[in-house]
Amino acid sequence: MEIFRINELVITVGALKSRRLQFGHILRNKE
């Protein structure tokens, strides 16, 4: 099931991006 694999990749990438954005906001607030 290639479609399932691609969908899983998209979800993980999206989660990493959102987590990175939150981490960036925390770093900015500290400064």
C-alpha atoms as a PDB file:
ATOM      1  CA  MET A   1       0.000   0.000   0.000  1.00  0.00           C
ATOM      2  CA  GLU A   2       2.088   2.919  -1.277  1.00  0.00           C
ATOM      3  CA  ILE A   3      -0.713   5.450  -0.680  1.00  0.00           C
ATOM      4  CA  PHE A   4      -0.827   4.576   3.021  1.00  0.00           C
ATOM      5  CA  ARG A   5       2.946   5.043   3.319  1.00  0.00           C
ATOM      6  CA  ILE A   6       2.831   8.439   1.598  1.00  0.00           C
ATOM      7  CA  ASN A   7      -0.072   9.549   3.812  1.00  0.00           C
ATOM      8  CA  GLU A   8       1.897   8.503   6.908  1.00  0.00           C
ATOM      9  CA  LEU A   9       4.914  10.492   5.686  1.00  0.00           C
ATOM     10  CA  VAL A  10       2.798  13.604   5.143  1.00  0.00           C
ATOM     11  CA  ILE A  11       1.354  13.330   8.673  1.00  0.00           C
ATOM     12  CA  THR A  12       4.775  12.910  10.292  1.00  0.00           C
ATOM     13  CA  VAL A  13       6.255  15.806   8.307  1.00  0.00           C
ATOM     14  CA  GLY A  14       3.323  18.033   9.262  1.00  0.00           C
ATOM     15  CA  ALA A  15       3.748  17.129  12.932  1.00  0.00           C
ATOM     16  CA  LEU A  16       7.482  17.906  12.791  1.00  0.00           C
ATOM     17  CA  LYS A  17       6.817  21.278  11.119  1.00  0.00           C
ATOM     18  CA  SER A  18       4.203  22.290  13.697  1.00  0.00           C
ATOM     19  CA  ARG A  19       6.501  21.172  16.530  1.00  0.00           C
ATOM     20  CA  ARG A  20       9.367  23.181  15.016  1.00  0.00           C
ATOM     21  CA  LEU A  21       7.119  26.263  14.793  1.00  0.00           C
ATOM     22  CA  GLN A  22       6.138  25.923  18.466  1.00  0.00           C
ATOM     23  CA  PHE A  23       9.798  25.484  19.448  1.00  0.00           C
ATOM     24  CA  GLY A  24      10.690  28.604  17.463  1.00  0.00           C
ATOM     25  CA  HIS A  25       8.034  30.632  19.272  1.00  0.00           C
ATOM     26  CA  ILE A  26       9.393  29.492  22.654  1.00  0.00           C
ATOM     27  CA  LEU A  27      12.941  30.513  21.667  1.00  0.00           C
ATOM     28  CA  ARG A  28      11.728  33.930  20.496  1.00  0.00           C
ATOM     29  CA  ASN A  29       9.817  34.520  23.728  1.00  0.00           C
ATOM     30  CA  LYS A  30      12.932  33.718  25.790  1.00  0.00           C
ATOM     31  CA  GLU A  31      14.863  36.468  23.994  1.00  0.00           C
END
